[in-house]
Each structure stands twice: as structure tokens, then as C-alpha cells.
PDB file of N, CA and C in Angstrom:
ATOM      1  N   UNK A   1       0.859  -1.183   0.000  1.00  0.00           N
ATOM      2  CA  UNK A   1       0.000   0.000   0.000  1.00  0.00           C
ATOM      3  C   UNK A   1       0.900   1.239   0.000  1.00  0.00           C
ATOM      4  N   UNK A   2       0.602   2.186  -0.865  1.00  0.00           N
ATOM      5  CA  UNK A   2       1.401   3.406  -0.943  1.00  0.00           C
ATOM      6  C   UNK A   2       1.065   4.346   0.209  1.00  0.00           C
ATOM      7  N   UNK A   3       2.001   5.254   0.491  1.00  0.00           N
ATOM      8  CA  UNK A   3       1.758   6.248   1.529  1.00  0.00           C
ATOM      9  C   UNK A   3       0.523   7.063   1.168  1.00  0.00           C
ATOM     10  N   UNK A   4      -0.237   7.443   2.177  1.00  0.00           N
ATOM     11  CA  UNK A   4      -1.498   8.139   1.913  1.00  0.00           C
ATOM     12  C   UNK A   4      -1.308   9.464   1.192  1.00  0.00           C
ATOM     13  N   UNK A   5      -0.176  10.120   1.391  1.00  0.00           N
ATOM     14  CA  UNK A   5       0.006  11.415   0.725  1.00  0.00           C
ATOM     15  C   UNK A   5       0.103  11.278  -0.789  1.00  0.00           C
ATOM     16  N   UNK A   6       0.327  10.062  -1.276  1.00  0.00           N
ATOM     17  CA  UNK A   6       0.415   9.834  -2.714  1.00  0.00           C
ATOM     18  C   UNK A   6      -0.865   9.237  -3.289  1.00  0.00           C
ATOM     19  N   UNK A   7      -1.867   9.070  -2.454  1.00  0.00           N
ATOM     20  CA  UNK A   7      -3.113   8.464  -2.921  1.00  0.00           C
ATOM     21  C   UNK A   7      -4.122   9.550  -3.297  1.00  0.00           C
ATOM     22  N   UNK A   8      -4.983   9.280  -4.254  1.00  0.00           N
ATOM     23  CA  UNK A   8      -5.971  10.286  -4.663  1.00  0.00           C
ATOM     24  C   UNK A   8      -6.911  10.688  -3.524  1.00  0.00           C
ATOM     25  N   UNK A   9      -7.142   9.800  -2.586  1.00  0.00           N
ATOM     26  CA  UNK A   9      -8.016  10.119  -1.456  1.00  0.00           C
ATOM     27  C   UNK A   9      -7.457  11.269  -0.625  1.00  0.00           C
ATOM     28  N   UNK A  10      -6.135  11.366  -0.584  1.00  0.00           N
ATOM     29  CA  UNK A  10      -5.513  12.457   0.175  1.00  0.00           C
ATOM     30  C   UNK A  10      -5.823  13.801  -0.470  1.00  0.00           C
ATOM     31  N   UNK A  11      -5.804  13.838  -1.797  1.00  0.00           N
ATOM     32  CA  UNK A  11      -6.166  15.067  -2.504  1.00  0.00           C
ATOM     33  C   UNK A  11      -7.610  15.460  -2.224  1.00  0.00           C
ATOM     34  N   UNK A  12      -8.488  14.489  -2.135  1.00  0.00           N
ATOM     35  CA  UNK A  12      -9.899  14.750  -1.818  1.00  0.00           C
ATOM     36  C   UNK A  12      -9.998  15.349  -0.418  1.00  0.00           C
ATOM     37  N   UNK A  13      -9.263  14.779   0.531  1.00  0.00           N
ATOM     38  CA  UNK A  13      -9.263  15.304   1.900  1.00  0.00           C
ATOM     39  C   UNK A  13      -8.808  16.758   1.927  1.00  0.00           C
ATOM     40  N   UNK A  14      -7.719  17.047   1.252  1.00  0.00           N
ATOM     41  CA  UNK A  14      -7.199  18.413   1.249  1.00  0.00           C
ATOM     42  C   UNK A  14      -8.182  19.391   0.606  1.00  0.00           C
ATOM     43  N   UNK A  15      -8.799  18.990  -0.472  1.00  0.00           N
ATOM     44  CA  UNK A  15      -9.796  19.842  -1.129  1.00  0.00           C
ATOM     45  C   UNK A  15     -10.988  20.111  -0.224  1.00  0.00           C
ATOM     46  N   UNK A  16     -11.402  19.088   0.480  1.00  0.00           N
ATOM     47  CA  UNK A  16     -12.548  19.230   1.380  1.00  0.00           C
ATOM     48  C   UNK A  16     -12.216  20.156   2.550  1.00  0.00           C
ATOM     49  N   UNK A  17     -11.020  20.042   3.097  1.00  0.00           N
ATOM     50  CA  UNK A  17     -10.614  20.941   4.179  1.00  0.00           C
ATOM     51  C   UNK A  17     -10.607  22.390   3.700  1.00  0.00           C
ATOM     52  N   UNK A  18     -10.062  22.617   2.515  1.00  0.00           N
ATOM     53  CA  UNK A  18     -10.018  23.977   1.974  1.00  0.00           C
ATOM     54  C   UNK A  18     -11.423  24.498   1.704  1.00  0.00           C
ATOM     55  N   UNK A  19     -12.281  23.640   1.174  1.00  0.00           N
ATOM     56  CA  UNK A  19     -13.665  24.033   0.901  1.00  0.00           C
ATOM     57  C   UNK A  19     -14.353  24.500   2.185  1.00  0.00           C
ATOM     58  N   UNK A  20     -14.181  23.749   3.258  1.00  0.00           N
ATOM     59  CA  UNK A  20     -14.836  24.106   4.518  1.00  0.00           C
ATOM     60  C   UNK A  20     -14.207  25.336   5.169  1.00  0.00           C
ATOM     61  N   UNK A  21     -12.903  25.511   5.006  1.00  0.00           N
ATOM     62  CA  UNK A  21     -12.268  26.726   5.533  1.00  0.00           C
ATOM     63  C   UNK A  21     -12.806  27.947   4.797  1.00  0.00           C
ATOM     64  N   UNK A  22     -12.905  27.849   3.478  1.00  0.00           N
ATOM     65  CA  UNK A  22     -13.441  28.968   2.699  1.00  0.00           C
ATOM     66  C   UNK A  22     -14.905  29.223   3.035  1.00  0.00           C
ATOM     67  N   UNK A  23     -15.682  28.162   3.225  1.00  0.00           N
ATOM     68  CA  UNK A  23     -17.097  28.313   3.585  1.00  0.00           C
ATOM     69  C   UNK A  23     -17.249  28.987   4.945  1.00  0.00           C
ATOM     70  N   UNK A  24     -16.294  28.746   5.828  1.00  0.00           N
ATOM     71  CA  UNK A  24     -16.320  29.374   7.154  1.00  0.00           C
ATOM     72  C   UNK A  24     -15.790  30.806   7.097  1.00  0.00           C
ATOM     73  N   UNK A  25     -15.348  31.213   5.900  1.00  0.00           N
ATOM     74  CA  UNK A  25     -14.804  32.556   5.677  1.00  0.00           C
ATOM     75  C   UNK A  25     -13.597  32.833   6.580  1.00  0.00           C
ATOM     76  N   UNK A  26     -12.738  31.827   6.681  1.00  0.00           N
ATOM     77  CA  UNK A  26     -11.520  31.953   7.469  1.00  0.00           C
ATOM     78  C   UNK A  26     -10.309  31.908   6.544  1.00  0.00           C
ATOM     79  N   UNK A  27      -9.341  32.759   6.816  1.00  0.00           N
ATOM     80  CA  UNK A  27      -8.073  32.658   6.116  1.00  0.00           C
ATOM     81  C   UNK A  27      -7.270  31.534   6.760  1.00  0.00           C
ATOM     82  N   UNK A  28      -6.221  31.134   6.093  1.00  0.00           N
ATOM     83  CA  UNK A  28      -5.352  30.127   6.688  1.00  0.00           C
ATOM     84  C   UNK A  28      -4.779  30.632   8.014  1.00  0.00           C
ATOM     85  N   UNK A  29      -4.409  31.891   8.060  1.00  0.00           N
ATOM     86  CA  UNK A  29      -3.843  32.475   9.281  1.00  0.00           C
ATOM     87  C   UNK A  29      -4.868  32.479  10.419  1.00  0.00           C
ATOM     88  N   UNK A  30      -6.107  32.849  10.106  1.00  0.00           N
ATOM     89  CA  UNK A  30      -7.151  32.870  11.141  1.00  0.00           C
ATOM     90  C   UNK A  30      -7.431  31.468  11.671  1.00  0.00           C
ATOM     91  N   UNK A  31      -7.444  30.522  10.779  1.00  0.00           N
ATOM     92  CA  UNK A  31      -7.693  29.134  11.160  1.00  0.00           C
ATOM     93  C   UNK A  31      -6.555  28.632  12.049  1.00  0.00           C
ATOM     94  N   UNK A  32      -5.333  28.906  11.660  1.00  0.00           N
ATOM     95  CA  UNK A  32      -4.175  28.502  12.457  1.00  0.00           C
ATOM     96  C   UNK A  32      -4.220  29.138  13.839  1.00  0.00           C
ATOM     97  N   UNK A  33      -4.553  30.415  13.885  1.00  0.00           N
ATOM     98  CA  UNK A  33      -4.623  31.126  15.163  1.00  0.00           C
ATOM     99  C   UNK A  33      -5.683  30.511  16.071  1.00  0.00           C
ATOM    100  N   UNK A  34      -6.839  30.162  15.513  1.00  0.00           N
ATOM    101  CA  UNK A  34      -7.912  29.549  16.297  1.00  0.00           C
ATOM    102  C   UNK A  34      -7.476  28.216  16.892  1.00  0.00           C
ATOM    103  N   UNK A  35      -6.517  27.577  16.253  1.00  0.00           N
ATOM    104  CA  UNK A  35      -5.992  26.292  16.731  1.00  0.00           C
ATOM    105  C   UNK A  35      -4.740  26.476  17.597  1.00  0.00           C
ATOM    106  N   UNK A  36      -4.373  27.735  17.840  1.00  0.00           N
ATOM    107  CA  UNK A  36      -3.151  28.062  18.602  1.00  0.00           C
ATOM    108  C   UNK A  36      -1.913  27.435  17.962  1.00  0.00           C
ATOM    109  N   UNK A  37      -1.879  27.530  16.662  1.00  0.00           N
ATOM    110  CA  UNK A  37      -0.761  26.987  15.886  1.00  0.00           C
ATOM    111  C   UNK A  37      -0.093  28.126  15.127  1.00  0.00           C
ATOM    112  N   UNK A  38       1.130  27.909  14.635  1.00  0.00           N
ATOM    113  CA  UNK A  38       1.792  28.956  13.848  1.00  0.00           C
ATOM    114  C   UNK A  38       1.007  29.277  12.579  1.00  0.00           C
ATOM    115  N   UNK A  39       1.221  30.440  12.048  1.00  0.00           N
ATOM    116  CA  UNK A  39       0.498  30.910  10.866  1.00  0.00           C
ATOM    117  C   UNK A  39       0.613  29.921   9.713  1.00  0.00           C
ATOM    118  N   UNK A  40       1.744  29.267   9.610  1.00  0.00           N
ATOM    119  CA  UNK A  40       1.984  28.371   8.486  1.00  0.00           C
ATOM    120  C   UNK A  40       1.259  27.023   8.603  1.00  0.00           C
ATOM    121  N   UNK A  41       0.640  26.765   9.733  1.00  0.00           N
ATOM    122  CA  UNK A  41       0.034  25.452   9.974  1.00  0.00           C
ATOM    123  C   UNK A  41      -0.957  25.056   8.888  1.00  0.00           C
ATOM    124  N   UNK A  42      -1.944  25.904   8.624  1.00  0.00           N
ATOM    125  CA  UNK A  42      -2.976  25.559   7.637  1.00  0.00           C
ATOM    126  C   UNK A  42      -2.405  25.498   6.222  1.00  0.00           C
ATOM    127  N   UNK A  43      -1.458  26.347   5.935  1.00  0.00           N
ATOM    128  CA  UNK A  43      -0.812  26.278   4.627  1.00  0.00           C
ATOM    129  C   UNK A  43      -0.145  24.919   4.445  1.00  0.00           C
ATOM    130  N   UNK A  44       0.544  24.470   5.468  1.00  0.00           N
ATOM    131  CA  UNK A  44       1.206  23.163   5.403  1.00  0.00           C
ATOM    132  C   UNK A  44       0.196  22.026   5.314  1.00  0.00           C
ATOM    133  N   UNK A  45      -0.907  22.136   6.045  1.00  0.00           N
ATOM    134  CA  UNK A  45      -1.950  21.104   5.983  1.00  0.00           C
ATOM    135  C   UNK A  45      -2.540  21.057   4.578  1.00  0.00           C
ATOM    136  N   UNK A  46      -2.946  22.207   4.058  1.00  0.00           N
ATOM    137  CA  UNK A  46      -3.619  22.250   2.757  1.00  0.00           C
ATOM    138  C   UNK A  46      -2.696  21.906   1.594  1.00  0.00           C
ATOM    139  N   UNK A  47      -1.402  22.097   1.767  1.00  0.00           N
ATOM    140  CA  UNK A  47      -0.466  21.734   0.700  1.00  0.00           C
ATOM    141  C   UNK A  47      -0.051  20.270   0.801  1.00  0.00           C
ATOM    142  N   UNK A  48      -0.411  19.630   1.898  1.00  0.00           N
ATOM    143  CA  UNK A  48      -0.095  18.219   2.074  1.00  0.00           C
ATOM    144  C   UNK A  48       1.257  17.955   2.703  1.00  0.00           C
ATOM    145  N   UNK A  49       1.952  19.001   3.137  1.00  0.00           N
ATOM    146  CA  UNK A  49       3.259  18.791   3.765  1.00  0.00           C
ATOM    147  C   UNK A  49       3.144  18.486   5.249  1.00  0.00           C
ATOM    148  N   UNK A  50       1.991  18.730   5.827  1.00  0.00           N
ATOM    149  CA  UNK A  50       1.734  18.385   7.231  1.00  0.00           C
ATOM    150  C   UNK A  50       0.506  17.496   7.282  1.00  0.00           C
ATOM    151  N   UNK A  51       0.635  16.382   7.981  1.00  0.00           N
ATOM    152  CA  UNK A  51      -0.485  15.461   8.145  1.00  0.00           C
ATOM    153  C   UNK A  51      -1.141  15.698   9.493  1.00  0.00           C
ATOM    154  N   UNK A  52      -2.423  15.421   9.556  1.00  0.00           N
ATOM    155  CA  UNK A  52      -3.186  15.589  10.788  1.00  0.00           C
ATOM    156  C   UNK A  52      -3.486  14.237  11.412  1.00  0.00           C
ATOM    157  N   UNK A  53      -3.414  14.171  12.743  1.00  0.00           N
ATOM    158  CA  UNK A  53      -3.923  12.971  13.399  1.00  0.00           C
ATOM    159  C   UNK A  53      -5.416  13.198  13.658  1.00  0.00           C
ATOM    160  N   UNK A  54      -6.095  12.209  14.156  1.00  0.00           N
ATOM    161  CA  UNK A  54      -7.556  12.274  14.298  1.00  0.00           C
ATOM    162  C   UNK A  54      -7.983  13.366  15.280  1.00  0.00           C
ATOM    163  N   UNK A  55      -7.208  13.592  16.334  1.00  0.00           N
ATOM    164  CA  UNK A  55      -7.548  14.627  17.311  1.00  0.00           C
ATOM    165  C   UNK A  55      -7.375  16.010  16.684  1.00  0.00           C
ATOM    166  N   UNK A  56      -6.314  16.204  15.923  1.00  0.00           N
ATOM    167  CA  UNK A  56      -6.119  17.475  15.237  1.00  0.00           C
ATOM    168  C   UNK A  56      -7.225  17.723  14.219  1.00  0.00           C
ATOM    169  N   UNK A  57      -7.631  16.674  13.513  1.00  0.00           N
ATOM    170  CA  UNK A  57      -8.726  16.804  12.553  1.00  0.00           C
ATOM    171  C   UNK A  57     -10.014  17.190  13.272  1.00  0.00           C
ATOM    172  N   UNK A  58     -10.261  16.581  14.415  1.00  0.00           N
ATOM    173  CA  UNK A  58     -11.448  16.914  15.216  1.00  0.00           C
ATOM    174  C   UNK A  58     -11.421  18.382  15.633  1.00  0.00           C
ATOM    175  N   UNK A  59     -10.269  18.850  16.121  1.00  0.00           N
ATOM    176  CA  UNK A  59     -10.139  20.258  16.519  1.00  0.00           C
ATOM    177  C   UNK A  59     -10.362  21.182  15.328  1.00  0.00           C
ATOM    178  N   UNK A  60      -9.802  20.821  14.197  1.00  0.00           N
ATOM    179  CA  UNK A  60      -9.960  21.636  12.997  1.00  0.00           C
ATOM    180  C   UNK A  60     -11.422  21.679  12.559  1.00  0.00           C
ATOM    181  N   UNK A  61     -12.094  20.557  12.624  1.00  0.00           N
ATOM    182  CA  UNK A  61     -13.519  20.528  12.267  1.00  0.00           C
ATOM    183  C   UNK A  61     -14.323  21.469  13.150  1.00  0.00           C
ATOM    184  N   UNK A  62     -14.004  21.506  14.440  1.00  0.00           N
ATOM    185  CA  UNK A  62     -14.703  22.430  15.348  1.00  0.00           C
ATOM    186  C   UNK A  62     -14.516  23.876  14.895  1.00  0.00           C
ATOM    187  N   UNK A  63     -13.290  24.238  14.546  1.00  0.00           N
ATOM    188  CA  UNK A  63     -13.006  25.594  14.079  1.00  0.00           C
ATOM    189  C   UNK A  63     -13.780  25.883  12.795  1.00  0.00           C
ATOM    190  N   UNK A  64     -13.905  24.875  11.937  1.00  0.00           N
ATOM    191  CA  UNK A  64     -14.586  25.054  10.654  1.00  0.00           C
ATOM    192  C   UNK A  64     -16.106  24.967  10.771  1.00  0.00           C
ATOM    193  N   UNK A  65     -16.601  24.601  11.952  1.00  0.00           N
ATOM    194  CA  UNK A  65     -18.048  24.565  12.172  1.00  0.00           C
ATOM    195  C   UNK A  65     -18.727  23.327  11.625  1.00  0.00           C
ATOM    196  N   UNK A  66     -18.005  22.211  11.584  1.00  0.00           N
ATOM    197  CA  UNK A  66     -18.586  20.957  11.111  1.00  0.00           C
ATOM    198  C   UNK A  66     -18.173  19.853  12.088  1.00  0.00           C
ATOM    199  N   UNK A  67     -19.077  18.943  12.341  1.00  0.00           N
ATOM    200  CA  UNK A  67     -18.722  17.841  13.238  1.00  0.00           C
ATOM    201  C   UNK A  67     -17.765  16.892  12.523  1.00  0.00           C
ATOM    202  N   UNK A  68     -16.953  16.233  13.299  1.00  0.00           N
ATOM    203  CA  UNK A  68     -16.027  15.263  12.717  1.00  0.00           C
ATOM    204  C   UNK A  68     -16.795  14.173  11.971  1.00  0.00           C
ATOM    205  N   UNK A  69     -17.893  13.707  12.559  1.00  0.00           N
ATOM    206  CA  UNK A  69     -18.685  12.652  11.904  1.00  0.00           C
ATOM    207  C   UNK A  69     -19.220  13.110  10.553  1.00  0.00           C
ATOM    208  N   UNK A  70     -19.745  14.330  10.513  1.00  0.00           N
ATOM    209  CA  UNK A  70     -20.274  14.849   9.255  1.00  0.00           C
ATOM    210  C   UNK A  70     -19.157  15.040   8.238  1.00  0.00           C
ATOM    211  N   UNK A  71     -18.000  15.513   8.704  1.00  0.00           N
ATOM    212  CA  UNK A  71     -16.869  15.707   7.796  1.00  0.00           C
ATOM    213  C   UNK A  71     -16.427  14.374   7.203  1.00  0.00           C
ATOM    214  N   UNK A  72     -16.317  13.353   8.046  1.00  0.00           N
ATOM    215  CA  UNK A  72     -15.874  12.041   7.561  1.00  0.00           C
ATOM    216  C   UNK A  72     -16.885  11.475   6.562  1.00  0.00           C
ATOM    217  N   UNK A  73     -18.178  11.657   6.828  1.00  0.00           N
ATOM    218  CA  UNK A  73     -19.184  11.171   5.886  1.00  0.00           C
ATOM    219  C   UNK A  73     -19.074  11.909   4.551  1.00  0.00           C
ATOM    220  N   UNK A  74     -18.845  13.209   4.620  1.00  0.00           N
ATOM    221  CA  UNK A  74     -18.679  13.983   3.388  1.00  0.00           C
ATOM    222  C   UNK A  74     -17.419  13.534   2.643  1.00  0.00           C
ATOM    223  N   UNK A  75     -16.367  13.223   3.394  1.00  0.00           N
ATOM    224  CA  UNK A  75     -15.133  12.720   2.795  1.00  0.00           C
ATOM    225  C   UNK A  75     -15.388  11.389   2.093  1.00  0.00           C
ATOM    226  N   UNK A  76     -16.079  10.500   2.761  1.00  0.00           N
ATOM    227  CA  UNK A  76     -16.390   9.193   2.157  1.00  0.00           C
ATOM    228  C   UNK A  76     -17.211   9.357   0.873  1.00  0.00           C
ATOM    229  N   UNK A  77     -18.178  10.243   0.901  1.00  0.00           N
ATOM    230  CA  UNK A  77     -18.999  10.490  -0.282  1.00  0.00           C
ATOM    231  C   UNK A  77     -18.163  11.082  -1.416  1.00  0.00           C
ATOM    232  N   UNK A  78     -17.281  12.019  -1.091  1.00  0.00           N
ATOM    233  CA  UNK A  78     -16.446  12.649  -2.111  1.00  0.00           C
ATOM    234  C   UNK A  78     -15.465  11.648  -2.710  1.00  0.00           C
ATOM    235  N   UNK A  79     -14.937  10.765  -1.888  1.00  0.00           N
ATOM    236  CA  UNK A  79     -14.020   9.724  -2.382  1.00  0.00           C
ATOM    237  C   UNK A  79     -14.761   8.776  -3.313  1.00  0.00           C
ATOM    238  N   UNK A  80     -15.984   8.398  -2.921  1.00  0.00           N
ATOM    239  CA  UNK A  80     -16.776   7.490  -3.759  1.00  0.00           C
ATOM    240  C   UNK A  80     -17.058   8.115  -5.124  1.00  0.00           C
ATOM    241  N   UNK A  81     -17.354   9.385  -5.145  1.00  0.00           N
ATOM    242  CA  UNK A  81     -17.638  10.086  -6.399  1.00  0.00           C
ATOM    243  C   UNK A  81     -16.388  10.197  -7.265  1.00  0.00           C
ATOM    244  N   UNK A  82     -15.248  10.362  -6.624  1.00  0.00           N
ATOM    245  CA  UNK A  82     -14.001  10.564  -7.381  1.00  0.00           C
ATOM    246  C   UNK A  82     -13.447   9.277  -7.983  1.00  0.00           C
ATOM    247  N   UNK A  83     -13.950   8.151  -7.521  1.00  0.00           N
ATOM    248  CA  UNK A  83     -13.453   6.858  -8.038  1.00  0.00           C
ATOM    249  C   UNK A  83     -14.079   6.482  -9.340  1.00  0.00           C
TER     250      UNK A  83
END
């Protein structure tokens, strides 16, 4: 199995995170600040150079105004469509 950063599903995840950040009308800097992270945090996440663990994803979902469960379901649906 290849590393997840090289799989198409990872691109779907990154697109979905960016979509929800934009929908929340947050800049990358504002999102990073809300997470008490450096300004570059969201840039690194969205570019795929930083990976999130499940707790970080949960925290990010809270900032973006979506539940982790709803986000994961949307991710699963987007992956299914992209296949």
C-alpha cells in the first residue's frame, strides 16, 4: 500500500478541508490562530506537507463549524464520487 500522501483520497481530503475553511470565511492564518498553531500550519496542511492525526482533525472541524462525523461522511462520499 502506498503512503497516503500519494493516494488520490488524500487530494480529496485536502480539497474538502479547503472548501470548509473557505465556507467558514476563514483565512489560513485565522484558522491557524484559532488552533493556537503557527500561521503556516494551515498552509502546510492544505499543501499536504503536514499530516493531521484524528484529534487534530477533530479540533480543525470544530473551528470550521462541522462535526467530525459529518466531515468524515462527506469525505467518504467525495471519495466514492471521485473513483
